[in-house]
Amino acid sequence: MDALMIIEIVIGAAMVVFGVLALNSKKLVTSVIYLSIISMLAVVAFVIMRAPDVAITEAVIGSGLVTAVFLFTLYAVKKAGEDA
């Protein structure tokens, strides 16, 4: 096995671990952060697979925009619950 394959396996295993952590997390904000980490690991995997266009798209949309929308929604729901 070459070093690139070992890195791919480590990244894949880390994605699975963070996925399980996101599912088992008690706080929703922590789950969103774990999902963002999974997206960033996917970016690294796409770069290793020599797909820079997909990596950039995943970084911008998957890690950036989706995480921001999730966090904004969580805080908006929390604030609406406090007002009621």
PDB file of N, CA and C in Angstrom:
ATOM      1  N   MET A   1       0.844  -1.188   0.000  1.00  0.00           N
ATOM      2  CA  MET A   1       0.000   0.000   0.000  1.00  0.00           C
ATOM      3  C   MET A   1       0.885   1.245   0.000  1.00  0.00           C
ATOM      4  N   ASP A   2       0.515   2.178  -0.842  1.00  0.00           N
ATOM      5  CA  ASP A   2       1.288   3.408  -0.860  1.00  0.00           C
ATOM      6  C   ASP A   2       0.712   4.417   0.131  1.00  0.00           C
ATOM      7  N   ALA A   3       1.438   5.489   0.321  1.00  0.00           N
ATOM      8  CA  ALA A   3       1.068   6.478   1.337  1.00  0.00           C
ATOM      9  C   ALA A   3      -0.262   7.154   1.019  1.00  0.00           C
ATOM     10  N   LEU A   4      -0.549   7.357  -0.270  1.00  0.00           N
ATOM     11  CA  LEU A   4      -1.792   8.018  -0.660  1.00  0.00           C
ATOM     12  C   LEU A   4      -3.007   7.180  -0.281  1.00  0.00           C
ATOM     13  N   MET A   5      -2.903   5.892  -0.441  1.00  0.00           N
ATOM     14  CA  MET A   5      -4.013   5.010  -0.082  1.00  0.00           C
ATOM     15  C   MET A   5      -4.231   4.997   1.432  1.00  0.00           C
ATOM     16  N   ILE A   6      -3.164   5.044   2.177  1.00  0.00           N
ATOM     17  CA  ILE A   6      -3.278   5.083   3.644  1.00  0.00           C
ATOM     18  C   ILE A   6      -3.958   6.376   4.084  1.00  0.00           C
ATOM     19  N   ILE A   7      -3.598   7.493   3.452  1.00  0.00           N
ATOM     20  CA  ILE A   7      -4.230   8.769   3.779  1.00  0.00           C
ATOM     21  C   ILE A   7      -5.723   8.727   3.447  1.00  0.00           C
ATOM     22  N   GLU A   8      -6.076   8.139   2.313  1.00  0.00           N
ATOM     23  CA  GLU A   8      -7.487   8.006   1.940  1.00  0.00           C
ATOM     24  C   GLU A   8      -8.263   7.177   2.969  1.00  0.00           C
ATOM     25  N   ILE A   9      -7.662   6.105   3.439  1.00  0.00           N
ATOM     26  CA  ILE A   9      -8.324   5.257   4.435  1.00  0.00           C
ATOM     27  C   ILE A   9      -8.495   6.012   5.741  1.00  0.00           C
ATOM     28  N   VAL A  10      -7.476   6.760   6.148  1.00  0.00           N
ATOM     29  CA  VAL A  10      -7.562   7.534   7.392  1.00  0.00           C
ATOM     30  C   VAL A  10      -8.644   8.608   7.281  1.00  0.00           C
ATOM     31  N   ILE A  11      -8.702   9.294   6.145  1.00  0.00           N
ATOM     32  CA  ILE A  11      -9.735  10.316   5.954  1.00  0.00           C
ATOM     33  C   ILE A  11     -11.122   9.693   5.960  1.00  0.00           C
ATOM     34  N   GLY A  12     -11.286   8.571   5.291  1.00  0.00           N
ATOM     35  CA  GLY A  12     -12.583   7.878   5.287  1.00  0.00           C
ATOM     36  C   GLY A  12     -12.998   7.426   6.679  1.00  0.00           C
ATOM     37  N   ALA A  13     -12.052   6.893   7.427  1.00  0.00           N
ATOM     38  CA  ALA A  13     -12.358   6.462   8.797  1.00  0.00           C
ATOM     39  C   ALA A  13     -12.712   7.655   9.679  1.00  0.00           C
ATOM     40  N   ALA A  14     -11.997   8.761   9.501  1.00  0.00           N
ATOM     41  CA  ALA A  14     -12.297   9.965  10.282  1.00  0.00           C
ATOM     42  C   ALA A  14     -13.692  10.489   9.941  1.00  0.00           C
ATOM     43  N   MET A  15     -14.083  10.413   8.676  1.00  0.00           N
ATOM     44  CA  MET A  15     -15.424  10.850   8.287  1.00  0.00           C
ATOM     45  C   MET A  15     -16.494   9.993   8.959  1.00  0.00           C
ATOM     46  N   VAL A  16     -16.257   8.700   9.018  1.00  0.00           N
ATOM     47  CA  VAL A  16     -17.214   7.810   9.684  1.00  0.00           C
ATOM     48  C   VAL A  16     -17.285   8.116  11.178  1.00  0.00           C
ATOM     49  N   VAL A  17     -16.136   8.338  11.800  1.00  0.00           N
ATOM     50  CA  VAL A  17     -16.101   8.642  13.237  1.00  0.00           C
ATOM     51  C   VAL A  17     -16.854   9.935  13.527  1.00  0.00           C
ATOM     52  N   PHE A  18     -16.592  10.980  12.736  1.00  0.00           N
ATOM     53  CA  PHE A  18     -17.289  12.243  12.966  1.00  0.00           C
ATOM     54  C   PHE A  18     -18.778  12.129  12.650  1.00  0.00           C
ATOM     55  N   GLY A  19     -19.142  11.264  11.713  1.00  0.00           N
ATOM     56  CA  GLY A  19     -20.558  11.025  11.454  1.00  0.00           C
ATOM     57  C   GLY A  19     -21.255  10.395  12.645  1.00  0.00           C
ATOM     58  N   VAL A  20     -20.619   9.422  13.256  1.00  0.00           N
ATOM     59  CA  VAL A  20     -21.183   8.799  14.457  1.00  0.00           C
ATOM     60  C   VAL A  20     -21.252   9.803  15.604  1.00  0.00           C
ATOM     61  N   LEU A  21     -20.213  10.618  15.751  1.00  0.00           N
ATOM     62  CA  LEU A  21     -20.232  11.648  16.792  1.00  0.00           C
ATOM     63  C   LEU A  21     -21.356  12.648  16.555  1.00  0.00           C
ATOM     64  N   ALA A  22     -21.591  13.010  15.302  1.00  0.00           N
ATOM     65  CA  ALA A  22     -22.677  13.942  14.995  1.00  0.00           C
ATOM     66  C   ALA A  22     -24.031  13.345  15.339  1.00  0.00           C
ATOM     67  N   LEU A  23     -24.199  12.059  15.086  1.00  0.00           N
ATOM     68  CA  LEU A  23     -25.470  11.398  15.404  1.00  0.00           C
ATOM     69  C   LEU A  23     -25.688  11.256  16.903  1.00  0.00           C
ATOM     70  N   ASN A  24     -24.620  11.048  17.656  1.00  0.00           N
ATOM     71  CA  ASN A  24     -24.741  10.796  19.090  1.00  0.00           C
ATOM     72  C   ASN A  24     -24.576  12.042  19.948  1.00  0.00           C
ATOM     73  N   SER A  25     -24.365  13.183  19.331  1.00  0.00           N
ATOM     74  CA  SER A  25     -24.152  14.414  20.079  1.00  0.00           C
ATOM     75  C   SER A  25     -25.455  14.886  20.718  1.00  0.00           C
ATOM     76  N   LYS A  26     -25.352  15.387  21.934  1.00  0.00           N
ATOM     77  CA  LYS A  26     -26.530  15.874  22.658  1.00  0.00           C
ATOM     78  C   LYS A  26     -26.922  17.284  22.232  1.00  0.00           C
ATOM     79  N   LYS A  27     -25.941  18.100  21.820  1.00  0.00           N
ATOM     80  CA  LYS A  27     -26.210  19.475  21.409  1.00  0.00           C
ATOM     81  C   LYS A  27     -26.255  19.553  19.885  1.00  0.00           C
ATOM     82  N   LEU A  28     -27.236  20.272  19.367  1.00  0.00           N
ATOM     83  CA  LEU A  28     -27.374  20.398  17.924  1.00  0.00           C
ATOM     84  C   LEU A  28     -26.229  21.197  17.311  1.00  0.00           C
ATOM     85  N   VAL A  29     -25.741  22.193  18.022  1.00  0.00           N
ATOM     86  CA  VAL A  29     -24.629  22.999  17.505  1.00  0.00           C
ATOM     87  C   VAL A  29     -23.390  22.127  17.326  1.00  0.00           C
ATOM     88  N   THR A  30     -23.145  21.255  18.249  1.00  0.00           N
ATOM     89  CA  THR A  30     -22.004  20.347  18.141  1.00  0.00           C
ATOM     90  C   THR A  30     -22.167  19.415  16.943  1.00  0.00           C
ATOM     91  N   SER A  31     -23.382  18.950  16.706  1.00  0.00           N
ATOM     92  CA  SER A  31     -23.629  18.104  15.540  1.00  0.00           C
ATOM     93  C   SER A  31     -23.345  18.853  14.246  1.00  0.00           C
ATOM     94  N   VAL A  32     -23.739  20.107  14.184  1.00  0.00           N
ATOM     95  CA  VAL A  32     -23.479  20.909  12.986  1.00  0.00           C
ATOM     96  C   VAL A  32     -21.978  21.092  12.778  1.00  0.00           C
ATOM     97  N   ILE A  33     -21.243  21.294  13.852  1.00  0.00           N
ATOM     98  CA  ILE A  33     -19.789  21.438  13.741  1.00  0.00           C
ATOM     99  C   ILE A  33     -19.160  20.139  13.249  1.00  0.00           C
ATOM    100  N   TYR A  34     -19.619  19.009  13.763  1.00  0.00           N
ATOM    101  CA  TYR A  34     -19.114  17.721  13.283  1.00  0.00           C
ATOM    102  C   TYR A  34     -19.421  17.525  11.800  1.00  0.00           C
ATOM    103  N   LEU A  35     -20.604  17.933  11.361  1.00  0.00           N
ATOM    104  CA  LEU A  35     -20.945  17.809   9.945  1.00  0.00           C
ATOM    105  C   LEU A  35     -20.071  18.716   9.090  1.00  0.00           C
ATOM    106  N   SER A  36     -19.714  19.873   9.614  1.00  0.00           N
ATOM    107  CA  SER A  36     -18.801  20.761   8.897  1.00  0.00           C
ATOM    108  C   SER A  36     -17.416  20.131   8.783  1.00  0.00           C
ATOM    109  N   ILE A  37     -16.985  19.455   9.826  1.00  0.00           N
ATOM    110  CA  ILE A  37     -15.686  18.766   9.779  1.00  0.00           C
ATOM    111  C   ILE A  37     -15.716  17.660   8.730  1.00  0.00           C
ATOM    112  N   ILE A  38     -16.837  16.954   8.633  1.00  0.00           N
ATOM    113  CA  ILE A  38     -16.973  15.917   7.602  1.00  0.00           C
ATOM    114  C   ILE A  38     -16.847  16.539   6.215  1.00  0.00           C
ATOM    115  N   SER A  39     -17.465  17.685   6.015  1.00  0.00           N
ATOM    116  CA  SER A  39     -17.360  18.353   4.718  1.00  0.00           C
ATOM    117  C   SER A  39     -15.929  18.760   4.407  1.00  0.00           C
ATOM    118  N   MET A  40     -15.216  19.243   5.407  1.00  0.00           N
ATOM    119  CA  MET A  40     -13.822  19.627   5.171  1.00  0.00           C
ATOM    120  C   MET A  40     -12.948  18.408   4.876  1.00  0.00           C
ATOM    121  N   LEU A  41     -13.234  17.295   5.525  1.00  0.00           N
ATOM    122  CA  LEU A  41     -12.506  16.060   5.201  1.00  0.00           C
ATOM    123  C   LEU A  41     -12.829  15.597   3.782  1.00  0.00           C
ATOM    124  N   ALA A  42     -14.075  15.812   3.351  1.00  0.00           N
ATOM    125  CA  ALA A  42     -14.438  15.481   1.976  1.00  0.00           C
ATOM    126  C   ALA A  42     -13.671  16.361   0.989  1.00  0.00           C
ATOM    127  N   VAL A  43     -13.454  17.621   1.353  1.00  0.00           N
ATOM    128  CA  VAL A  43     -12.648  18.505   0.509  1.00  0.00           C
ATOM    129  C   VAL A  43     -11.243  17.929   0.338  1.00  0.00           C
ATOM    130  N   VAL A  44     -10.649  17.499   1.435  1.00  0.00           N
ATOM    131  CA  VAL A  44      -9.312  16.909   1.361  1.00  0.00           C
ATOM    132  C   VAL A  44      -9.325  15.645   0.498  1.00  0.00           C
ATOM    133  N   ALA A  45     -10.361  14.840   0.639  1.00  0.00           N
ATOM    134  CA  ALA A  45     -10.472  13.619  -0.170  1.00  0.00           C
ATOM    135  C   ALA A  45     -10.594  13.954  -1.660  1.00  0.00           C
ATOM    136  N   PHE A  46     -11.366  14.984  -1.983  1.00  0.00           N
ATOM    137  CA  PHE A  46     -11.501  15.369  -3.388  1.00  0.00           C
ATOM    138  C   PHE A  46     -10.191  15.907  -3.951  1.00  0.00           C
ATOM    139  N   VAL A  47      -9.424  16.624  -3.140  1.00  0.00           N
ATOM    140  CA  VAL A  47      -8.122  17.115  -3.600  1.00  0.00           C
ATOM    141  C   VAL A  47      -7.191  15.938  -3.855  1.00  0.00           C
ATOM    142  N   ILE A  48      -7.216  14.954  -2.973  1.00  0.00           N
ATOM    143  CA  ILE A  48      -6.376  13.763  -3.161  1.00  0.00           C
ATOM    144  C   ILE A  48      -6.775  13.017  -4.438  1.00  0.00           C
ATOM    145  N   MET A  49      -8.076  13.003  -4.736  1.00  0.00           N
ATOM    146  CA  MET A  49      -8.551  12.335  -5.951  1.00  0.00           C
ATOM    147  C   MET A  49      -8.373  13.188  -7.205  1.00  0.00           C
ATOM    148  N   ARG A  50      -7.712  14.324  -7.057  1.00  0.00           N
ATOM    149  CA  ARG A  50      -7.419  15.244  -8.156  1.00  0.00           C
ATOM    150  C   ARG A  50      -8.699  15.769  -8.814  1.00  0.00           C
ATOM    151  N   ALA A  51      -9.634  16.213  -7.967  1.00  0.00           N
ATOM    152  CA  ALA A  51     -10.859  16.848  -8.429  1.00  0.00           C
ATOM    153  C   ALA A  51     -10.981  18.218  -7.763  1.00  0.00           C
ATOM    154  N   PRO A  52     -10.144  19.167  -8.165  1.00  0.00           N
ATOM    155  CA  PRO A  52     -10.130  20.456  -7.470  1.00  0.00           C
ATOM    156  C   PRO A  52     -11.418  21.249  -7.633  1.00  0.00           C
ATOM    157  N   ASP A  53     -12.100  21.105  -8.769  1.00  0.00           N
ATOM    158  CA  ASP A  53     -13.345  21.838  -8.955  1.00  0.00           C
ATOM    159  C   ASP A  53     -14.422  21.352  -7.985  1.00  0.00           C
ATOM    160  N   VAL A  54     -14.493  20.058  -7.773  1.00  0.00           N
ATOM    161  CA  VAL A  54     -15.455  19.502  -6.817  1.00  0.00           C
ATOM    162  C   VAL A  54     -15.063  19.881  -5.390  1.00  0.00           C
ATOM    163  N   ALA A  55     -13.758  19.913  -5.123  1.00  0.00           N
ATOM    164  CA  ALA A  55     -13.276  20.280  -3.789  1.00  0.00           C
ATOM    165  C   ALA A  55     -13.632  21.726  -3.463  1.00  0.00           C
ATOM    166  N   ILE A  56     -13.465  22.617  -4.416  1.00  0.00           N
ATOM    167  CA  ILE A  56     -13.805  24.019  -4.179  1.00  0.00           C
ATOM    168  C   ILE A  56     -15.299  24.170  -3.951  1.00  0.00           C
ATOM    169  N   THR A  57     -16.100  23.478  -4.749  1.00  0.00           N
ATOM    170  CA  THR A  57     -17.549  23.539  -4.585  1.00  0.00           C
ATOM    171  C   THR A  57     -17.975  23.002  -3.224  1.00  0.00           C
ATOM    172  N   GLU A  58     -17.389  21.902  -2.811  1.00  0.00           N
ATOM    173  CA  GLU A  58     -17.705  21.326  -1.499  1.00  0.00           C
ATOM    174  C   GLU A  58     -17.278  22.261  -0.372  1.00  0.00           C
ATOM    175  N   ALA A  59     -16.139  22.912  -0.537  1.00  0.00           N
ATOM    176  CA  ALA A  59     -15.662  23.827   0.504  1.00  0.00           C
ATOM    177  C   ALA A  59     -16.593  25.021   0.646  1.00  0.00           C
ATOM    178  N   VAL A  60     -17.013  25.572  -0.466  1.00  0.00           N
ATOM    179  CA  VAL A  60     -17.851  26.765  -0.417  1.00  0.00           C
ATOM    180  C   VAL A  60     -19.270  26.430   0.026  1.00  0.00           C
ATOM    181  N   ILE A  61     -19.859  25.447  -0.605  1.00  0.00           N
ATOM    182  CA  ILE A  61     -21.269  25.144  -0.321  1.00  0.00           C
ATOM    183  C   ILE A  61     -21.407  24.217   0.872  1.00  0.00           C
ATOM    184  N   GLY A  62     -20.707  23.106   0.862  1.00  0.00           N
ATOM    185  CA  GLY A  62     -20.861  22.115   1.921  1.00  0.00           C
ATOM    186  C   GLY A  62     -20.367  22.579   3.267  1.00  0.00           C
ATOM    187  N   SER A  63     -19.176  23.117   3.291  1.00  0.00           N
ATOM    188  CA  SER A  63     -18.597  23.532   4.570  1.00  0.00           C
ATOM    189  C   SER A  63     -19.023  24.929   4.986  1.00  0.00           C
ATOM    190  N   GLY A  64     -19.104  25.825   4.036  1.00  0.00           N
ATOM    191  CA  GLY A  64     -19.404  27.206   4.376  1.00  0.00           C
ATOM    192  C   GLY A  64     -20.878  27.523   4.453  1.00  0.00           C
ATOM    193  N   LEU A  65     -21.554  27.449   3.332  1.00  0.00           N
ATOM    194  CA  LEU A  65     -22.943  27.895   3.243  1.00  0.00           C
ATOM    195  C   LEU A  65     -23.891  27.028   4.072  1.00  0.00           C
ATOM    196  N   VAL A  66     -23.777  25.714   3.939  1.00  0.00           N
ATOM    197  CA  VAL A  66     -24.699  24.822   4.662  1.00  0.00           C
ATOM    198  C   VAL A  66     -24.505  24.948   6.169  1.00  0.00           C
ATOM    199  N   THR A  67     -23.268  25.038   6.612  1.00  0.00           N
ATOM    200  CA  THR A  67     -23.001  25.205   8.046  1.00  0.00           C
ATOM    201  C   THR A  67     -23.583  26.519   8.553  1.00  0.00           C
ATOM    202  N   ALA A  68     -23.409  27.583   7.779  1.00  0.00           N
ATOM    203  CA  ALA A  68     -23.959  28.876   8.184  1.00  0.00           C
ATOM    204  C   ALA A  68     -25.483  28.841   8.242  1.00  0.00           C
ATOM    205  N   VAL A  69     -26.110  28.202   7.273  1.00  0.00           N
ATOM    206  CA  VAL A  69     -27.577  28.104   7.278  1.00  0.00           C
ATOM    207  C   VAL A  69     -28.059  27.276   8.463  1.00  0.00           C
ATOM    208  N   PHE A  70     -27.382  26.161   8.741  1.00  0.00           N
ATOM    209  CA  PHE A  70     -27.765  25.339   9.896  1.00  0.00           C
ATOM    210  C   PHE A  70     -27.647  26.131  11.197  1.00  0.00           C
ATOM    211  N   LEU A  71     -26.522  26.817  11.386  1.00  0.00           N
ATOM    212  CA  LEU A  71     -26.328  27.572  12.622  1.00  0.00           C
ATOM    213  C   LEU A  71     -27.331  28.721  12.731  1.00  0.00           C
ATOM    214  N   PHE A  72     -27.567  29.433  11.633  1.00  0.00           N
ATOM    215  CA  PHE A  72     -28.561  30.512  11.647  1.00  0.00           C
ATOM    216  C   PHE A  72     -29.941  29.970  12.004  1.00  0.00           C
ATOM    217  N   THR A  73     -30.311  28.828  11.443  1.00  0.00           N
ATOM    218  CA  THR A  73     -31.613  28.230  11.730  1.00  0.00           C
ATOM    219  C   THR A  73     -31.713  27.804  13.186  1.00  0.00           C
ATOM    220  N   LEU A  74     -30.667  27.209  13.721  1.00  0.00           N
ATOM    221  CA  LEU A  74     -30.687  26.786  15.122  1.00  0.00           C
ATOM    222  C   LEU A  74     -30.862  27.969  16.059  1.00  0.00           C
ATOM    223  N   TYR A  75     -30.126  29.040  15.799  1.00  0.00           N
ATOM    224  CA  TYR A  75     -30.241  30.219  16.667  1.00  0.00           C
ATOM    225  C   TYR A  75     -31.587  30.911  16.497  1.00  0.00           C
ATOM    226  N   ALA A  76     -32.145  30.907  15.277  1.00  0.00           N
ATOM    227  CA  ALA A  76     -33.457  31.499  15.056  1.00  0.00           C
ATOM    228  C   ALA A  76     -34.545  30.698  15.765  1.00  0.00           C
ATOM    229  N   VAL A  77     -34.455  29.387  15.727  1.00  0.00           N
ATOM    230  CA  VAL A  77     -35.440  28.546  16.421  1.00  0.00           C
ATOM    231  C   VAL A  77     -35.296  28.714  17.931  1.00  0.00           C
ATOM    232  N   LYS A  78     -34.071  28.804  18.409  1.00  0.00           N
ATOM    233  CA  LYS A  78     -33.841  28.986  19.850  1.00  0.00           C
ATOM    234  C   LYS A  78     -34.412  30.325  20.312  1.00  0.00           C
ATOM    235  N   LYS A  79     -34.200  31.362  19.527  1.00  0.00           N
ATOM    236  CA  LYS A  79     -34.712  32.676  19.894  1.00  0.00           C
ATOM    237  C   LYS A  79     -36.232  32.703  19.829  1.00  0.00           C
ATOM    238  N   ALA A  80     -36.827  32.050  18.847  1.00  0.00           N
ATOM    239  CA  ALA A  80     -38.289  31.996  18.743  1.00  0.00           C
ATOM    240  C   ALA A  80     -38.880  31.224  19.916  1.00  0.00           C
ATOM    241  N   GLY A  81     -38.183  30.199  20.393  1.00  0.00           N
ATOM    242  CA  GLY A  81     -38.648  29.421  21.540  1.00  0.00           C
ATOM    243  C   GLY A  81     -38.581  30.232  22.829  1.00  0.00           C
ATOM    244  N   GLU A  82     -37.611  31.120  22.943  1.00  0.00           N
ATOM    245  CA  GLU A  82     -37.501  31.959  24.130  1.00  0.00           C
ATOM    246  C   GLU A  82     -38.572  33.049  24.165  1.00  0.00           C
ATOM    247  N   ASP A  83     -38.977  33.527  22.986  1.00  0.00           N
ATOM    248  CA  ASP A  83     -39.976  34.579  22.903  1.00  0.00           C
ATOM    249  C   ASP A  83     -41.382  34.055  23.201  1.00  0.00           C
ATOM    250  N   ALA A  84     -41.598  32.779  22.952  1.00  0.00           N
ATOM    251  CA  ALA A  84     -42.957  32.232  23.107  1.00  0.00           C
ATOM    252  C   ALA A  84     -43.309  31.986  24.547  1.00  0.00           C
TER     253      ALA A  84
END
